[in-house]
């Protein structure tokens, strides 16, 4: 089992952690990587900040039926 991650793997683990999908070992490896990689430290900090902002904003999405109606309306307008 390798402990050191490439930056791509570290960023992927950071993204998984954002959605609470990263395993304990993945988080351990990520934290080891973050000790020595400034680029991934910055990526993780920005990702964490973005996650907090979205949770804080309480963004509401369009209901699926309204989305389908809008899509159909756009399709009709484009076919004219």
PDB file of N, CA and C in Angstrom:
ATOM      1  N   UNK A   1       0.852  -1.183   0.000  1.00  0.00           N
ATOM      2  CA  UNK A   1       0.000   0.000   0.000  1.00  0.00           C
ATOM      3  C   UNK A   1       0.892   1.239   0.000  1.00  0.00           C
ATOM      4  N   UNK A   2       0.672   2.099  -0.964  1.00  0.00           N
ATOM      5  CA  UNK A   2       1.491   3.311  -1.019  1.00  0.00           C
ATOM      6  C   UNK A   2       0.849   4.420  -0.188  1.00  0.00           C
ATOM      7  N   UNK A   3       1.703   5.197   0.442  1.00  0.00           N
ATOM      8  CA  UNK A   3       1.220   6.263   1.326  1.00  0.00           C
ATOM      9  C   UNK A   3       1.254   7.613   0.615  1.00  0.00           C
ATOM     10  N   UNK A   4       2.199   7.780  -0.301  1.00  0.00           N
ATOM     11  CA  UNK A   4       2.344   9.067  -0.973  1.00  0.00           C
ATOM     12  C   UNK A   4       1.458   9.128  -2.209  1.00  0.00           C
ATOM     13  N   UNK A   5       0.733  10.221  -2.325  1.00  0.00           N
ATOM     14  CA  UNK A   5      -0.190  10.432  -3.432  1.00  0.00           C
ATOM     15  C   UNK A   5       0.397  11.395  -4.448  1.00  0.00           C
ATOM     16  N   UNK A   6      -0.018  11.241  -5.691  1.00  0.00           N
ATOM     17  CA  UNK A   6       0.259  12.259  -6.710  1.00  0.00           C
ATOM     18  C   UNK A   6      -0.759  13.377  -6.487  1.00  0.00           C
ATOM     19  N   UNK A   7      -0.476  14.536  -7.010  1.00  0.00           N
ATOM     20  CA  UNK A   7      -1.373  15.677  -6.826  1.00  0.00           C
ATOM     21  C   UNK A   7      -2.775  15.400  -7.375  1.00  0.00           C
ATOM     22  N   UNK A   8      -2.866  14.707  -8.514  1.00  0.00           N
ATOM     23  CA  UNK A   8      -4.187  14.381  -9.077  1.00  0.00           C
ATOM     24  C   UNK A   8      -5.004  13.543  -8.102  1.00  0.00           C
ATOM     25  N   UNK A   9      -4.348  12.550  -7.495  1.00  0.00           N
ATOM     26  CA  UNK A   9      -5.047  11.690  -6.532  1.00  0.00           C
ATOM     27  C   UNK A   9      -5.446  12.478  -5.291  1.00  0.00           C
ATOM     28  N   UNK A  10      -4.559  13.367  -4.849  1.00  0.00           N
ATOM     29  CA  UNK A  10      -4.852  14.186  -3.671  1.00  0.00           C
ATOM     30  C   UNK A  10      -6.058  15.093  -3.934  1.00  0.00           C
ATOM     31  N   UNK A  11      -6.110  15.692  -5.110  1.00  0.00           N
ATOM     32  CA  UNK A  11      -7.239  16.559  -5.444  1.00  0.00           C
ATOM     33  C   UNK A  11      -8.534  15.763  -5.549  1.00  0.00           C
ATOM     34  N   UNK A  12      -8.447  14.558  -6.092  1.00  0.00           N
ATOM     35  CA  UNK A  12      -9.634  13.703  -6.189  1.00  0.00           C
ATOM     36  C   UNK A  12     -10.132  13.333  -4.786  1.00  0.00           C
ATOM     37  N   UNK A  13      -9.212  13.009  -3.897  1.00  0.00           N
ATOM     38  CA  UNK A  13      -9.589  12.683  -2.516  1.00  0.00           C
ATOM     39  C   UNK A  13     -10.186  13.898  -1.828  1.00  0.00           C
ATOM     40  N   UNK A  14      -9.632  15.065  -2.091  1.00  0.00           N
ATOM     41  CA  UNK A  14     -10.181  16.305  -1.532  1.00  0.00           C
ATOM     42  C   UNK A  14     -11.617  16.499  -1.997  1.00  0.00           C
ATOM     43  N   UNK A  15     -11.870  16.254  -3.277  1.00  0.00           N
ATOM     44  CA  UNK A  15     -13.227  16.377  -3.809  1.00  0.00           C
ATOM     45  C   UNK A  15     -14.161  15.348  -3.170  1.00  0.00           C
ATOM     46  N   UNK A  16     -13.679  14.121  -3.002  1.00  0.00           N
ATOM     47  CA  UNK A  16     -14.494  13.086  -2.365  1.00  0.00           C
ATOM     48  C   UNK A  16     -14.814  13.477  -0.925  1.00  0.00           C
ATOM     49  N   UNK A  17     -13.855  14.048  -0.247  1.00  0.00           N
ATOM     50  CA  UNK A  17     -14.055  14.467   1.142  1.00  0.00           C
ATOM     51  C   UNK A  17     -15.120  15.557   1.233  1.00  0.00           C
ATOM     52  N   UNK A  18     -15.193  16.393   0.220  1.00  0.00           N
ATOM     53  CA  UNK A  18     -16.197  17.463   0.174  1.00  0.00           C
ATOM     54  C   UNK A  18     -17.605  16.875   0.272  1.00  0.00           C
ATOM     55  N   UNK A  19     -17.795  15.692  -0.299  1.00  0.00           N
ATOM     56  CA  UNK A  19     -19.111  15.037  -0.291  1.00  0.00           C
ATOM     57  C   UNK A  19     -19.187  13.898   0.720  1.00  0.00           C
ATOM     58  N   UNK A  20     -18.230  13.864   1.639  1.00  0.00           N
ATOM     59  CA  UNK A  20     -18.180  12.850   2.708  1.00  0.00           C
ATOM     60  C   UNK A  20     -18.091  11.432   2.146  1.00  0.00           C
ATOM     61  N   UNK A  21     -17.343  11.257   1.049  1.00  0.00           N
ATOM     62  CA  UNK A  21     -17.195   9.952   0.425  1.00  0.00           C
ATOM     63  C   UNK A  21     -15.792   9.369   0.583  1.00  0.00           C
ATOM     64  N   UNK A  22     -14.870  10.105   1.178  1.00  0.00           N
ATOM     65  CA  UNK A  22     -13.495   9.636   1.323  1.00  0.00           C
ATOM     66  C   UNK A  22     -13.379   8.724   2.543  1.00  0.00           C
ATOM     67  N   UNK A  23     -12.594   7.652   2.366  1.00  0.00           N
ATOM     68  CA  UNK A  23     -12.376   6.720   3.472  1.00  0.00           C
ATOM     69  C   UNK A  23     -11.343   7.301   4.449  1.00  0.00           C
ATOM     70  N   UNK A  24     -11.221   6.661   5.583  1.00  0.00           N
ATOM     71  CA  UNK A  24     -10.268   7.100   6.593  1.00  0.00           C
ATOM     72  C   UNK A  24      -8.845   7.065   6.039  1.00  0.00           C
ATOM     73  N   UNK A  25      -8.475   5.974   5.345  1.00  0.00           N
ATOM     74  CA  UNK A  25      -7.115   5.861   4.796  1.00  0.00           C
ATOM     75  C   UNK A  25      -6.862   6.904   3.710  1.00  0.00           C
ATOM     76  N   UNK A  26      -7.855   7.207   2.921  1.00  0.00           N
ATOM     77  CA  UNK A  26      -7.690   8.250   1.911  1.00  0.00           C
ATOM     78  C   UNK A  26      -7.417   9.599   2.564  1.00  0.00           C
ATOM     79  N   UNK A  27      -8.098   9.864   3.668  1.00  0.00           N
ATOM     80  CA  UNK A  27      -7.884  11.135   4.377  1.00  0.00           C
ATOM     81  C   UNK A  27      -6.504  11.185   5.008  1.00  0.00           C
ATOM     82  N   UNK A  28      -6.032  10.052   5.520  1.00  0.00           N
ATOM     83  CA  UNK A  28      -4.679   9.996   6.094  1.00  0.00           C
ATOM     84  C   UNK A  28      -3.660  10.308   5.004  1.00  0.00           C
ATOM     85  N   UNK A  29      -3.804   9.656   3.849  1.00  0.00           N
ATOM     86  CA  UNK A  29      -2.884   9.886   2.734  1.00  0.00           C
ATOM     87  C   UNK A  29      -2.952  11.340   2.262  1.00  0.00           C
ATOM     88  N   UNK A  30      -4.147  11.886   2.205  1.00  0.00           N
ATOM     89  CA  UNK A  30      -4.313  13.277   1.794  1.00  0.00           C
ATOM     90  C   UNK A  30      -3.589  14.207   2.759  1.00  0.00           C
ATOM     91  N   UNK A  31      -3.768  13.993   4.039  1.00  0.00           N
ATOM     92  CA  UNK A  31      -3.120  14.861   5.025  1.00  0.00           C
ATOM     93  C   UNK A  31      -1.604  14.752   4.973  1.00  0.00           C
ATOM     94  N   UNK A  32      -1.076  13.566   4.700  1.00  0.00           N
ATOM     95  CA  UNK A  32       0.375  13.416   4.531  1.00  0.00           C
ATOM     96  C   UNK A  32       0.822  14.214   3.313  1.00  0.00           C
ATOM     97  N   UNK A  33       0.082  14.115   2.223  1.00  0.00           N
ATOM     98  CA  UNK A  33       0.411  14.849   1.001  1.00  0.00           C
ATOM     99  C   UNK A  33       0.365  16.362   1.253  1.00  0.00           C
ATOM    100  N   UNK A  34      -0.619  16.804   2.011  1.00  0.00           N
ATOM    101  CA  UNK A  34      -0.778  18.236   2.254  1.00  0.00           C
ATOM    102  C   UNK A  34       0.346  18.822   3.103  1.00  0.00           C
ATOM    103  N   UNK A  35       1.050  17.981   3.825  1.00  0.00           N
ATOM    104  CA  UNK A  35       2.173  18.462   4.641  1.00  0.00           C
ATOM    105  C   UNK A  35       3.251  19.081   3.755  1.00  0.00           C
ATOM    106  N   UNK A  36       3.491  18.482   2.586  1.00  0.00           N
ATOM    107  CA  UNK A  36       4.605  18.941   1.759  1.00  0.00           C
ATOM    108  C   UNK A  36       4.204  19.583   0.421  1.00  0.00           C
ATOM    109  N   UNK A  37       2.946  19.597   0.056  1.00  0.00           N
ATOM    110  CA  UNK A  37       2.548  20.132  -1.252  1.00  0.00           C
ATOM    111  C   UNK A  37       1.728  21.410  -1.090  1.00  0.00           C
ATOM    112  N   UNK A  38       2.343  22.529  -1.399  1.00  0.00           N
ATOM    113  CA  UNK A  38       1.653  23.820  -1.264  1.00  0.00           C
ATOM    114  C   UNK A  38       0.528  23.999  -2.273  1.00  0.00           C
ATOM    115  N   UNK A  39       0.711  23.472  -3.467  1.00  0.00           N
ATOM    116  CA  UNK A  39      -0.334  23.614  -4.490  1.00  0.00           C
ATOM    117  C   UNK A  39      -1.607  22.911  -4.037  1.00  0.00           C
ATOM    118  N   UNK A  40      -1.471  21.725  -3.484  1.00  0.00           N
ATOM    119  CA  UNK A  40      -2.656  20.986  -3.018  1.00  0.00           C
ATOM    120  C   UNK A  40      -3.221  21.594  -1.739  1.00  0.00           C
ATOM    121  N   UNK A  41      -2.371  22.213  -0.933  1.00  0.00           N
ATOM    122  CA  UNK A  41      -2.868  22.933   0.244  1.00  0.00           C
ATOM    123  C   UNK A  41      -3.797  24.048  -0.204  1.00  0.00           C
ATOM    124  N   UNK A  42      -3.368  24.771  -1.249  1.00  0.00           N
ATOM    125  CA  UNK A  42      -4.173  25.875  -1.765  1.00  0.00           C
ATOM    126  C   UNK A  42      -5.477  25.350  -2.371  1.00  0.00           C
ATOM    127  N   UNK A  43      -5.393  24.247  -3.142  1.00  0.00           N
ATOM    128  CA  UNK A  43      -6.582  23.651  -3.748  1.00  0.00           C
ATOM    129  C   UNK A  43      -7.571  23.227  -2.667  1.00  0.00           C
ATOM    130  N   UNK A  44      -7.078  22.586  -1.624  1.00  0.00           N
ATOM    131  CA  UNK A  44      -7.931  22.116  -0.538  1.00  0.00           C
ATOM    132  C   UNK A  44      -8.580  23.284   0.195  1.00  0.00           C
ATOM    133  N   UNK A  45      -7.804  24.343   0.431  1.00  0.00           N
ATOM    134  CA  UNK A  45      -8.351  25.520   1.115  1.00  0.00           C
ATOM    135  C   UNK A  45      -9.464  26.160   0.284  1.00  0.00           C
ATOM    136  N   UNK A  46      -9.243  26.282  -1.027  1.00  0.00           N
ATOM    137  CA  UNK A  46     -10.265  26.874  -1.896  1.00  0.00           C
ATOM    138  C   UNK A  46     -11.503  25.984  -1.972  1.00  0.00           C
ATOM    139  N   UNK A  47     -11.286  24.678  -2.035  1.00  0.00           N
ATOM    140  CA  UNK A  47     -12.391  23.733  -2.092  1.00  0.00           C
ATOM    141  C   UNK A  47     -13.225  23.796  -0.808  1.00  0.00           C
ATOM    142  N   UNK A  48     -12.549  23.869   0.329  1.00  0.00           N
ATOM    143  CA  UNK A  48     -13.236  23.969   1.613  1.00  0.00           C
ATOM    144  C   UNK A  48     -14.026  25.264   1.711  1.00  0.00           C
ATOM    145  N   UNK A  49     -13.429  26.350   1.260  1.00  0.00           N
ATOM    146  CA  UNK A  49     -14.109  27.645   1.284  1.00  0.00           C
ATOM    147  C   UNK A  49     -15.346  27.623   0.395  1.00  0.00           C
ATOM    148  N   UNK A  50     -15.224  27.046  -0.790  1.00  0.00           N
ATOM    149  CA  UNK A  50     -16.345  26.948  -1.710  1.00  0.00           C
ATOM    150  C   UNK A  50     -17.479  26.113  -1.123  1.00  0.00           C
ATOM    151  N   UNK A  51     -17.126  25.007  -0.495  1.00  0.00           N
ATOM    152  CA  UNK A  51     -18.133  24.151   0.138  1.00  0.00           C
ATOM    153  C   UNK A  51     -18.883  24.907   1.229  1.00  0.00           C
ATOM    154  N   UNK A  52     -18.151  25.627   2.071  1.00  0.00           N
ATOM    155  CA  UNK A  52     -18.784  26.408   3.138  1.00  0.00           C
ATOM    156  C   UNK A  52     -19.723  27.467   2.573  1.00  0.00           C
ATOM    157  N   UNK A  53     -19.287  28.145   1.518  1.00  0.00           N
ATOM    158  CA  UNK A  53     -20.116  29.188   0.920  1.00  0.00           C
ATOM    159  C   UNK A  53     -21.418  28.625   0.363  1.00  0.00           C
ATOM    160  N   UNK A  54     -21.351  27.467  -0.292  1.00  0.00           N
ATOM    161  CA  UNK A  54     -22.566  26.867  -0.829  1.00  0.00           C
ATOM    162  C   UNK A  54     -23.510  26.428   0.273  1.00  0.00           C
ATOM    163  N   UNK A  55     -22.967  25.838   1.323  1.00  0.00           N
ATOM    164  CA  UNK A  55     -23.822  25.407   2.432  1.00  0.00           C
ATOM    165  C   UNK A  55     -24.451  26.601   3.133  1.00  0.00           C
ATOM    166  N   UNK A  56     -23.680  27.658   3.284  1.00  0.00           N
ATOM    167  CA  UNK A  56     -24.159  28.857   3.961  1.00  0.00           C
ATOM    168  C   UNK A  56     -25.232  29.577   3.140  1.00  0.00           C
ATOM    169  N   UNK A  57     -25.114  29.525   1.822  1.00  0.00           N
ATOM    170  CA  UNK A  57     -26.027  30.274   0.968  1.00  0.00           C
ATOM    171  C   UNK A  57     -27.413  29.643   0.880  1.00  0.00           C
ATOM    172  N   UNK A  58     -27.529  28.378   1.215  1.00  0.00           N
ATOM    173  CA  UNK A  58     -28.808  27.661   1.155  1.00  0.00           C
ATOM    174  C   UNK A  58     -29.441  27.806  -0.233  1.00  0.00           C
ATOM    175  N   UNK A  59     -28.639  27.511  -1.251  1.00  0.00           N
ATOM    176  CA  UNK A  59     -29.079  27.597  -2.634  1.00  0.00           C
ATOM    177  C   UNK A  59     -30.229  26.620  -2.872  1.00  0.00           C
ATOM    178  N   UNK A  60     -31.265  27.110  -3.528  1.00  0.00           N
ATOM    179  CA  UNK A  60     -32.402  26.263  -3.869  1.00  0.00           C
ATOM    180  C   UNK A  60     -32.409  26.084  -5.379  1.00  0.00           C
ATOM    181  N   UNK A  61     -32.648  24.867  -5.800  1.00  0.00           N
ATOM    182  CA  UNK A  61     -32.656  24.583  -7.231  1.00  0.00           C
ATOM    183  C   UNK A  61     -34.075  24.562  -7.770  1.00  0.00           C
ATOM    184  N   UNK A  62     -34.173  24.636  -9.074  1.00  0.00           N
ATOM    185  CA  UNK A  62     -35.469  24.623  -9.746  1.00  0.00           C
ATOM    186  C   UNK A  62     -36.072  23.219  -9.643  1.00  0.00           C
ATOM    187  N   UNK A  63     -37.362  23.115  -9.341  1.00  0.00           N
ATOM    188  CA  UNK A  63     -38.009  21.799  -9.308  1.00  0.00           C
ATOM    189  C   UNK A  63     -37.911  21.107 -10.669  1.00  0.00           C
ATOM    190  N   UNK A  64     -37.869  19.773 -10.655  1.00  0.00           N
ATOM    191  CA  UNK A  64     -37.688  19.016 -11.886  1.00  0.00           C
ATOM    192  C   UNK A  64     -38.789  19.269 -12.916  1.00  0.00           C
ATOM    193  N   UNK A  65     -40.022  19.410 -12.458  1.00  0.00           N
ATOM    194  CA  UNK A  65     -41.110  19.647 -13.413  1.00  0.00           C
ATOM    195  C   UNK A  65     -40.972  21.021 -14.079  1.00  0.00           C
ATOM    196  N   UNK A  66     -40.563  22.024 -13.333  1.00  0.00           N
ATOM    197  CA  UNK A  66     -40.349  23.356 -13.905  1.00  0.00           C
ATOM    198  C   UNK A  66     -39.164  23.337 -14.862  1.00  0.00           C
ATOM    199  N   UNK A  67     -38.142  22.566 -14.511  1.00  0.00           N
ATOM    200  CA  UNK A  67     -36.976  22.446 -15.367  1.00  0.00           C
ATOM    201  C   UNK A  67     -37.352  21.781 -16.696  1.00  0.00           C
ATOM    202  N   UNK A  68     -38.157  20.727 -16.634  1.00  0.00           N
ATOM    203  CA  UNK A  68     -38.608  20.033 -17.840  1.00  0.00           C
ATOM    204  C   UNK A  68     -39.462  20.953 -18.712  1.00  0.00           C
ATOM    205  N   UNK A  69     -40.332  21.742 -18.101  1.00  0.00           N
ATOM    206  CA  UNK A  69     -41.185  22.675 -18.850  1.00  0.00           C
ATOM    207  C   UNK A  69     -40.331  23.739 -19.534  1.00  0.00           C
ATOM    208  N   UNK A  70     -39.339  24.251 -18.849  1.00  0.00           N
ATOM    209  CA  UNK A  70     -38.453  25.250 -19.423  1.00  0.00           C
ATOM    210  C   UNK A  70     -37.658  24.664 -20.584  1.00  0.00           C
ATOM    211  N   UNK A  71     -37.182  23.443 -20.413  1.00  0.00           N
ATOM    212  CA  UNK A  71     -36.433  22.770 -21.469  1.00  0.00           C
ATOM    213  C   UNK A  71     -37.302  22.596 -22.716  1.00  0.00           C
ATOM    214  N   UNK A  72     -38.533  22.190 -22.514  1.00  0.00           N
ATOM    215  CA  UNK A  72     -39.455  22.006 -23.638  1.00  0.00           C
ATOM    216  C   UNK A  72     -39.747  23.341 -24.324  1.00  0.00           C
ATOM    217  N   UNK A  73     -39.936  24.370 -23.543  1.00  0.00           N
ATOM    218  CA  UNK A  73     -40.197  25.706 -24.098  1.00  0.00           C
ATOM    219  C   UNK A  73     -39.002  26.194 -24.925  1.00  0.00           C
ATOM    220  N   UNK A  74     -37.803  25.966 -24.411  1.00  0.00           N
ATOM    221  CA  UNK A  74     -36.598  26.356 -25.147  1.00  0.00           C
ATOM    222  C   UNK A  74     -36.490  25.563 -26.448  1.00  0.00           C
ATOM    223  N   UNK A  75     -36.797  24.285 -26.388  1.00  0.00           N
ATOM    224  CA  UNK A  75     -36.748  23.447 -27.580  1.00  0.00           C
ATOM    225  C   UNK A  75     -37.726  23.965 -28.631  1.00  0.00           C
ATOM    226  N   UNK A  76     -38.931  24.354 -28.208  1.00  0.00           N
ATOM    227  CA  UNK A  76     -39.924  24.888 -29.141  1.00  0.00           C
ATOM    228  C   UNK A  76     -39.464  26.193 -29.757  1.00  0.00           C
ATOM    229  N   UNK A  77     -38.879  27.073 -28.939  1.00  0.00           N
ATOM    230  CA  UNK A  77     -38.410  28.365 -29.433  1.00  0.00           C
ATOM    231  C   UNK A  77     -37.248  28.186 -30.419  1.00  0.00           C
ATOM    232  N   UNK A  78     -36.399  27.216 -30.147  1.00  0.00           N
ATOM    233  CA  UNK A  78     -35.240  26.984 -31.019  1.00  0.00           C
ATOM    234  C   UNK A  78     -35.670  26.389 -32.362  1.00  0.00           C
ATOM    235  N   UNK A  79     -36.771  25.672 -32.386  1.00  0.00           N
ATOM    236  CA  UNK A  79     -37.215  25.047 -33.629  1.00  0.00           C
ATOM    237  C   UNK A  79     -37.931  26.017 -34.558  1.00  0.00           C
ATOM    238  N   UNK A  80     -38.250  27.198 -34.100  1.00  0.00           N
ATOM    239  CA  UNK A  80     -38.942  28.205 -34.929  1.00  0.00           C
ATOM    240  C   UNK A  80     -38.024  28.802 -35.953  1.00  0.00           C
TER     241      UNK A  80
END
